[in-house]
Amino acid sequence: MANTSRPSKAVRARELRLLRLFGLTPPEYDDILAHQNGVCAICLASPKRVRLGVDHRHQDGLIRGLLCWSCNKAVS
């Protein structure tokens, strides 16, 4: 019988990446996503295949919102 209480490697990798790069936990990411009604903060499009990226100021790490790939690329 498989142990279903442990997150998969992919889930754990995402958790660690969010925390390491942005200081965010998955519930905090989900809160931001809910505040944005599940859409990109700029173009208001729903994500199709991948999660929205965390937009932040590189100088101090301030998180500005979640963006789709196209909008995140445009503001980089």
PDB file of N, CA and C in Angstrom:
ATOM      1  N   MET A   1       0.840  -1.179   0.000  1.00  0.00           N
ATOM      2  CA  MET A   1       0.000   0.000   0.000  1.00  0.00           C
ATOM      3  C   MET A   1       0.887   1.244   0.000  1.00  0.00           C
ATOM      4  N   ALA A   2       0.595   2.178  -0.900  1.00  0.00           N
ATOM      5  CA  ALA A   2       1.396   3.397  -1.036  1.00  0.00           C
ATOM      6  C   ALA A   2       1.057   4.379   0.079  1.00  0.00           C
ATOM      7  N   ASN A   3       2.057   5.137   0.493  1.00  0.00           N
ATOM      8  CA  ASN A   3       1.856   6.171   1.501  1.00  0.00           C
ATOM      9  C   ASN A   3       1.338   7.422   0.800  1.00  0.00           C
ATOM     10  N   THR A   4       0.069   7.748   1.005  1.00  0.00           N
ATOM     11  CA  THR A   4      -0.547   8.892   0.322  1.00  0.00           C
ATOM     12  C   THR A   4      -0.461  10.178   1.128  1.00  0.00           C
ATOM     13  N   SER A   5       0.130  10.129   2.324  1.00  0.00           N
ATOM     14  CA  SER A   5       0.207  11.330   3.143  1.00  0.00           C
ATOM     15  C   SER A   5       1.386  12.225   2.766  1.00  0.00           C
ATOM     16  N   ARG A   6       2.349  11.691   2.020  1.00  0.00           N
ATOM     17  CA  ARG A   6       3.504  12.482   1.608  1.00  0.00           C
ATOM     18  C   ARG A   6       3.261  13.084   0.235  1.00  0.00           C
ATOM     19  N   PRO A   7       3.637  14.360   0.062  1.00  0.00           N
ATOM     20  CA  PRO A   7       3.474  14.958  -1.272  1.00  0.00           C
ATOM     21  C   PRO A   7       4.442  14.343  -2.271  1.00  0.00           C
ATOM     22  N   SER A   8       4.067  14.379  -3.535  1.00  0.00           N
ATOM     23  CA  SER A   8       4.939  13.860  -4.585  1.00  0.00           C
ATOM     24  C   SER A   8       6.200  14.713  -4.688  1.00  0.00           C
ATOM     25  N   LYS A   9       7.185  14.190  -5.386  1.00  0.00           N
ATOM     26  CA  LYS A   9       8.430  14.951  -5.572  1.00  0.00           C
ATOM     27  C   LYS A   9       8.174  16.254  -6.306  1.00  0.00           C
ATOM     28  N   ALA A  10       7.276  16.241  -7.285  1.00  0.00           N
ATOM     29  CA  ALA A  10       6.969  17.457  -8.057  1.00  0.00           C
ATOM     30  C   ALA A  10       6.301  18.500  -7.168  1.00  0.00           C
ATOM     31  N   VAL A  11       5.394  18.063  -6.321  1.00  0.00           N
ATOM     32  CA  VAL A  11       4.709  18.992  -5.413  1.00  0.00           C
ATOM     33  C   VAL A  11       5.711  19.571  -4.425  1.00  0.00           C
ATOM     34  N   ARG A  12       6.542  18.725  -3.877  1.00  0.00           N
ATOM     35  CA  ARG A  12       7.545  19.189  -2.914  1.00  0.00           C
ATOM     36  C   ARG A  12       8.548  20.133  -3.578  1.00  0.00           C
ATOM     37  N   ALA A  13       8.945  19.852  -4.808  1.00  0.00           N
ATOM     38  CA  ALA A  13       9.874  20.725  -5.534  1.00  0.00           C
ATOM     39  C   ALA A  13       9.246  22.100  -5.751  1.00  0.00           C
ATOM     40  N   ARG A  14       7.956  22.130  -6.096  1.00  0.00           N
ATOM     41  CA  ARG A  14       7.259  23.412  -6.276  1.00  0.00           C
ATOM     42  C   ARG A  14       7.225  24.188  -4.964  1.00  0.00           C
ATOM     43  N   GLU A  15       6.911  23.496  -3.866  1.00  0.00           N
ATOM     44  CA  GLU A  15       6.866  24.153  -2.558  1.00  0.00           C
ATOM     45  C   GLU A  15       8.213  24.781  -2.218  1.00  0.00           C
ATOM     46  N   LEU A  16       9.266  24.025  -2.414  1.00  0.00           N
ATOM     47  CA  LEU A  16      10.603  24.522  -2.095  1.00  0.00           C
ATOM     48  C   LEU A  16      11.013  25.670  -3.001  1.00  0.00           C
ATOM     49  N   ARG A  17      10.649  25.589  -4.284  1.00  0.00           N
ATOM     50  CA  ARG A  17      10.991  26.662  -5.233  1.00  0.00           C
ATOM     51  C   ARG A  17      10.276  27.954  -4.864  1.00  0.00           C
ATOM     52  N   LEU A  18       8.982  27.878  -4.560  1.00  0.00           N
ATOM     53  CA  LEU A  18       8.230  29.076  -4.159  1.00  0.00           C
ATOM     54  C   LEU A  18       8.842  29.713  -2.918  1.00  0.00           C
ATOM     55  N   LEU A  19       9.198  28.875  -1.971  1.00  0.00           N
ATOM     56  CA  LEU A  19       9.768  29.382  -0.729  1.00  0.00           C
ATOM     57  C   LEU A  19      11.155  29.973  -0.952  1.00  0.00           C
ATOM     58  N   ARG A  20      11.996  29.271  -1.692  1.00  0.00           N
ATOM     59  CA  ARG A  20      13.374  29.733  -1.918  1.00  0.00           C
ATOM     60  C   ARG A  20      13.429  31.009  -2.753  1.00  0.00           C
ATOM     61  N   LEU A  21      12.683  31.053  -3.840  1.00  0.00           N
ATOM     62  CA  LEU A  21      12.773  32.191  -4.754  1.00  0.00           C
ATOM     63  C   LEU A  21      11.961  33.401  -4.327  1.00  0.00           C
ATOM     64  N   PHE A  22      10.793  33.158  -3.705  1.00  0.00           N
ATOM     65  CA  PHE A  22       9.875  34.260  -3.445  1.00  0.00           C
ATOM     66  C   PHE A  22       9.445  34.389  -1.990  1.00  0.00           C
ATOM     67  N   GLY A  23       9.845  33.445  -1.141  1.00  0.00           N
ATOM     68  CA  GLY A  23       9.423  33.487   0.251  1.00  0.00           C
ATOM     69  C   GLY A  23       7.941  33.194   0.421  1.00  0.00           C
ATOM     70  N   LEU A  24       7.358  32.469  -0.539  1.00  0.00           N
ATOM     71  CA  LEU A  24       5.926  32.151  -0.521  1.00  0.00           C
ATOM     72  C   LEU A  24       5.687  30.682  -0.208  1.00  0.00           C
ATOM     73  N   THR A  25       4.646  30.427   0.554  1.00  0.00           N
ATOM     74  CA  THR A  25       4.187  29.058   0.735  1.00  0.00           C
ATOM     75  C   THR A  25       3.090  28.805  -0.299  1.00  0.00           C
ATOM     76  N   PRO A  26       2.799  27.546  -0.626  1.00  0.00           N
ATOM     77  CA  PRO A  26       1.705  27.277  -1.561  1.00  0.00           C
ATOM     78  C   PRO A  26       0.360  27.897  -1.129  1.00  0.00           C
ATOM     79  N   PRO A  27       0.004  27.882   0.170  1.00  0.00           N
ATOM     80  CA  PRO A  27      -1.247  28.551   0.543  1.00  0.00           C
ATOM     81  C   PRO A  27      -1.218  30.071   0.285  1.00  0.00           C
ATOM     82  N   GLU A  28      -0.048  30.687   0.452  1.00  0.00           N
ATOM     83  CA  GLU A  28       0.065  32.125   0.159  1.00  0.00           C
ATOM     84  C   GLU A  28      -0.100  32.375  -1.339  1.00  0.00           C
ATOM     85  N   TYR A  29       0.508  31.513  -2.165  1.00  0.00           N
ATOM     86  CA  TYR A  29       0.334  31.615  -3.617  1.00  0.00           C
ATOM     87  C   TYR A  29      -1.150  31.484  -3.950  1.00  0.00           C
ATOM     88  N   ASP A  30      -1.798  30.495  -3.357  1.00  0.00           N
ATOM     89  CA  ASP A  30      -3.224  30.271  -3.611  1.00  0.00           C
ATOM     90  C   ASP A  30      -4.072  31.460  -3.175  1.00  0.00           C
ATOM     91  N   ASP A  31      -3.692  32.120  -2.080  1.00  0.00           N
ATOM     92  CA  ASP A  31      -4.411  33.325  -1.630  1.00  0.00           C
ATOM     93  C   ASP A  31      -4.296  34.454  -2.650  1.00  0.00           C
ATOM     94  N   ILE A  32      -3.086  34.647  -3.190  1.00  0.00           N
ATOM     95  CA  ILE A  32      -2.892  35.681  -4.212  1.00  0.00           C
ATOM     96  C   ILE A  32      -3.714  35.336  -5.449  1.00  0.00           C
ATOM     97  N   LEU A  33      -3.672  34.077  -5.859  1.00  0.00           N
ATOM     98  CA  LEU A  33      -4.434  33.620  -7.020  1.00  0.00           C
ATOM     99  C   LEU A  33      -5.930  33.847  -6.808  1.00  0.00           C
ATOM    100  N   ALA A  34      -6.435  33.549  -5.622  1.00  0.00           N
ATOM    101  CA  ALA A  34      -7.856  33.769  -5.318  1.00  0.00           C
ATOM    102  C   ALA A  34      -8.193  35.261  -5.345  1.00  0.00           C
ATOM    103  N   HIS A  35      -7.293  36.089  -4.813  1.00  0.00           N
ATOM    104  CA  HIS A  35      -7.509  37.541  -4.820  1.00  0.00           C
ATOM    105  C   HIS A  35      -7.598  38.081  -6.255  1.00  0.00           C
ATOM    106  N   GLN A  36      -6.853  37.452  -7.171  1.00  0.00           N
ATOM    107  CA  GLN A  36      -6.870  37.843  -8.592  1.00  0.00           C
ATOM    108  C   GLN A  36      -7.954  37.094  -9.373  1.00  0.00           C
ATOM    109  N   ASN A  37      -8.824  36.386  -8.691  1.00  0.00           N
ATOM    110  CA  ASN A  37      -9.896  35.607  -9.327  1.00  0.00           C
ATOM    111  C   ASN A  37      -9.360  34.562 -10.301  1.00  0.00           C
ATOM    112  N   GLY A  38      -8.154  34.054 -10.040  1.00  0.00           N
ATOM    113  CA  GLY A  38      -7.587  32.981 -10.844  1.00  0.00           C
ATOM    114  C   GLY A  38      -7.070  33.387 -12.208  1.00  0.00           C
ATOM    115  N   VAL A  39      -6.878  34.685 -12.427  1.00  0.00           N
ATOM    116  CA  VAL A  39      -6.432  35.164 -13.736  1.00  0.00           C
ATOM    117  C   VAL A  39      -5.155  35.988 -13.612  1.00  0.00           C
ATOM    118  N   CYS A  40      -4.505  36.221 -14.747  1.00  0.00           N
ATOM    119  CA  CYS A  40      -3.312  37.061 -14.818  1.00  0.00           C
ATOM    120  C   CYS A  40      -3.646  38.476 -14.353  1.00  0.00           C
ATOM    121  N   ALA A  41      -2.755  39.064 -13.570  1.00  0.00           N
ATOM    122  CA  ALA A  41      -2.977  40.407 -13.039  1.00  0.00           C
ATOM    123  C   ALA A  41      -2.976  41.486 -14.119  1.00  0.00           C
ATOM    124  N   ILE A  42      -2.402  41.211 -15.279  1.00  0.00           N
ATOM    125  CA  ILE A  42      -2.338  42.219 -16.341  1.00  0.00           C
ATOM    126  C   ILE A  42      -3.409  42.008 -17.402  1.00  0.00           C
ATOM    127  N   CYS A  43      -3.394  40.853 -18.069  1.00  0.00           N
ATOM    128  CA  CYS A  43      -4.309  40.645 -19.200  1.00  0.00           C
ATOM    129  C   CYS A  43      -5.623  39.974 -18.804  1.00  0.00           C
ATOM    130  N   LEU A  44      -5.716  39.535 -17.567  1.00  0.00           N
ATOM    131  CA  LEU A  44      -6.929  38.906 -17.024  1.00  0.00           C
ATOM    132  C   LEU A  44      -7.283  37.573 -17.682  1.00  0.00           C
ATOM    133  N   ALA A  45      -6.304  36.942 -18.323  1.00  0.00           N
ATOM    134  CA  ALA A  45      -6.531  35.628 -18.942  1.00  0.00           C
ATOM    135  C   ALA A  45      -6.341  34.534 -17.903  1.00  0.00           C
ATOM    136  N   SER A  46      -7.131  33.483 -18.030  1.00  0.00           N
ATOM    137  CA  SER A  46      -6.972  32.308 -17.168  1.00  0.00           C
ATOM    138  C   SER A  46      -5.788  31.492 -17.681  1.00  0.00           C
ATOM    139  N   PRO A  47      -5.007  30.916 -16.772  1.00  0.00           N
ATOM    140  CA  PRO A  47      -3.895  30.086 -17.225  1.00  0.00           C
ATOM    141  C   PRO A  47      -4.412  28.846 -17.938  1.00  0.00           C
ATOM    142  N   LYS A  48      -3.746  28.472 -19.016  1.00  0.00           N
ATOM    143  CA  LYS A  48      -4.184  27.320 -19.806  1.00  0.00           C
ATOM    144  C   LYS A  48      -3.526  26.035 -19.337  1.00  0.00           C
ATOM    145  N   ARG A  49      -2.205  25.963 -19.400  1.00  0.00           N
ATOM    146  CA  ARG A  49      -1.501  24.718 -19.072  1.00  0.00           C
ATOM    147  C   ARG A  49      -0.588  24.848 -17.877  1.00  0.00           C
ATOM    148  N   VAL A  50       0.000  25.992 -17.701  1.00  0.00           N
ATOM    149  CA  VAL A  50       0.960  26.165 -16.603  1.00  0.00           C
ATOM    150  C   VAL A  50       0.418  27.184 -15.608  1.00  0.00           C
ATOM    151  N   ARG A  51       0.943  27.119 -14.414  1.00  0.00           N
ATOM    152  CA  ARG A  51       0.531  28.064 -13.374  1.00  0.00           C
ATOM    153  C   ARG A  51       1.009  29.466 -13.733  1.00  0.00           C
ATOM    154  N   LEU A  52       0.361  30.430 -13.134  1.00  0.00           N
ATOM    155  CA  LEU A  52       0.800  31.812 -13.302  1.00  0.00           C
ATOM    156  C   LEU A  52       2.124  31.997 -12.574  1.00  0.00           C
ATOM    157  N   GLY A  53       2.989  32.813 -13.166  1.00  0.00           N
ATOM    158  CA  GLY A  53       4.289  33.081 -12.570  1.00  0.00           C
ATOM    159  C   GLY A  53       4.203  34.191 -11.540  1.00  0.00           C
ATOM    160  N   VAL A  54       5.112  34.176 -10.591  1.00  0.00           N
ATOM    161  CA  VAL A  54       5.158  35.189  -9.543  1.00  0.00           C
ATOM    162  C   VAL A  54       5.925  36.400 -10.071  1.00  0.00           C
ATOM    163  N   ASP A  55       5.245  37.534 -10.179  1.00  0.00           N
ATOM    164  CA  ASP A  55       5.894  38.774 -10.607  1.00  0.00           C
ATOM    165  C   ASP A  55       6.412  39.476  -9.364  1.00  0.00           C
ATOM    166  N   HIS A  56       7.689  39.842  -9.390  1.00  0.00           N
ATOM    167  CA  HIS A  56       8.293  40.487  -8.224  1.00  0.00           C
ATOM    168  C   HIS A  56       9.347  41.492  -8.665  1.00  0.00           C
ATOM    169  N   ARG A  57       9.623  42.448  -7.782  1.00  0.00           N
ATOM    170  CA  ARG A  57      10.702  43.400  -8.031  1.00  0.00           C
ATOM    171  C   ARG A  57      12.011  42.716  -7.677  1.00  0.00           C
ATOM    172  N   HIS A  58      12.935  42.746  -8.578  1.00  0.00           N
ATOM    173  CA  HIS A  58      14.211  42.072  -8.356  1.00  0.00           C
ATOM    174  C   HIS A  58      15.055  42.776  -7.310  1.00  0.00           C
ATOM    175  N   GLN A  59      14.850  44.081  -7.113  1.00  0.00           N
ATOM    176  CA  GLN A  59      15.646  44.826  -6.137  1.00  0.00           C
ATOM    177  C   GLN A  59      15.392  44.353  -4.711  1.00  0.00           C
ATOM    178  N   ASP A  60      14.114  44.148  -4.364  1.00  0.00           N
ATOM    179  CA  ASP A  60      13.801  43.825  -2.969  1.00  0.00           C
ATOM    180  C   ASP A  60      12.890  42.614  -2.801  1.00  0.00           C
ATOM    181  N   GLY A  61      12.491  41.979  -3.897  1.00  0.00           N
ATOM    182  CA  GLY A  61      11.669  40.783  -3.813  1.00  0.00           C
ATOM    183  C   GLY A  61      10.193  41.022  -3.594  1.00  0.00           C
ATOM    184  N   LEU A  62       9.742  42.290  -3.605  1.00  0.00           N
ATOM    185  CA  LEU A  62       8.328  42.592  -3.391  1.00  0.00           C
ATOM    186  C   LEU A  62       7.484  41.902  -4.455  1.00  0.00           C
ATOM    187  N   ILE A  63       6.512  41.129  -4.027  1.00  0.00           N
ATOM    188  CA  ILE A  63       5.630  40.408  -4.950  1.00  0.00           C
ATOM    189  C   ILE A  63       4.523  41.343  -5.397  1.00  0.00           C
ATOM    190  N   ARG A  64       4.411  41.502  -6.725  1.00  0.00           N
ATOM    191  CA  ARG A  64       3.410  42.406  -7.295  1.00  0.00           C
ATOM    192  C   ARG A  64       2.153  41.676  -7.729  1.00  0.00           C
ATOM    193  N   GLY A  65       2.250  40.390  -8.003  1.00  0.00           N
ATOM    194  CA  GLY A  65       1.085  39.621  -8.428  1.00  0.00           C
ATOM    195  C   GLY A  65       1.513  38.399  -9.208  1.00  0.00           C
ATOM    196  N   LEU A  66       0.532  37.732  -9.790  1.00  0.00           N
ATOM    197  CA  LEU A  66       0.771  36.539 -10.586  1.00  0.00           C
ATOM    198  C   LEU A  66       0.451  36.842 -12.038  1.00  0.00           C
ATOM    199  N   LEU A  67       1.357  36.449 -12.936  1.00  0.00           N
ATOM    200  CA  LEU A  67       1.207  36.781 -14.354  1.00  0.00           C
ATOM    201  C   LEU A  67       1.303  35.541 -15.228  1.00  0.00           C
ATOM    202  N   CYS A  68       0.623  35.610 -16.380  1.00  0.00           N
ATOM    203  CA  CYS A  68       0.774  34.571 -17.381  1.00  0.00           C
ATOM    204  C   CYS A  68       2.161  34.697 -18.000  1.00  0.00           C
ATOM    205  N   TRP A  69       2.569  33.673 -18.749  1.00  0.00           N
ATOM    206  CA  TRP A  69       3.900  33.665 -19.329  1.00  0.00           C
ATOM    207  C   TRP A  69       4.120  34.885 -20.237  1.00  0.00           C
ATOM    208  N   SER A  70       3.149  35.208 -21.070  1.00  0.00           N
ATOM    209  CA  SER A  70       3.303  36.316 -22.021  1.00  0.00           C
ATOM    210  C   SER A  70       3.486  37.645 -21.310  1.00  0.00           C
ATOM    211  N   CYS A  71       2.664  37.917 -20.319  1.00  0.00           N
ATOM    212  CA  CYS A  71       2.767  39.189 -19.590  1.00  0.00           C
ATOM    213  C   CYS A  71       4.042  39.234 -18.755  1.00  0.00           C
ATOM    214  N   ASN A  72       4.410  38.132 -18.149  1.00  0.00           N
ATOM    215  CA  ASN A  72       5.635  38.092 -17.354  1.00  0.00           C
ATOM    216  C   ASN A  72       6.851  38.350 -18.229  1.00  0.00           C
ATOM    217  N   LYS A  73       6.840  37.795 -19.431  1.00  0.00           N
ATOM    218  CA  LYS A  73       7.940  37.999 -20.375  1.00  0.00           C
ATOM    219  C   LYS A  73       7.989  39.472 -20.839  1.00  0.00           C
ATOM    220  N   ALA A  74       6.837  40.085 -21.023  1.00  0.00           N
ATOM    221  CA  ALA A  74       6.756  41.463 -21.505  1.00  0.00           C
ATOM    222  C   ALA A  74       7.287  42.461 -20.478  1.00  0.00           C
ATOM    223  N   VAL A  75       7.095  42.197 -19.188  1.00  0.00           N
ATOM    224  CA  VAL A  75       7.535  43.143 -18.173  1.00  0.00           C
ATOM    225  C   VAL A  75       8.946  42.853 -17.662  1.00  0.00           C
ATOM    226  N   SER A  76       9.525  41.736 -18.068  1.00  0.00           N
ATOM    227  CA  SER A  76      10.884  41.377 -17.601  1.00  0.00           C
ATOM    228  C   SER A  76      11.932  42.265 -18.190  1.00  0.00           C
TER     229      SER A  76
END
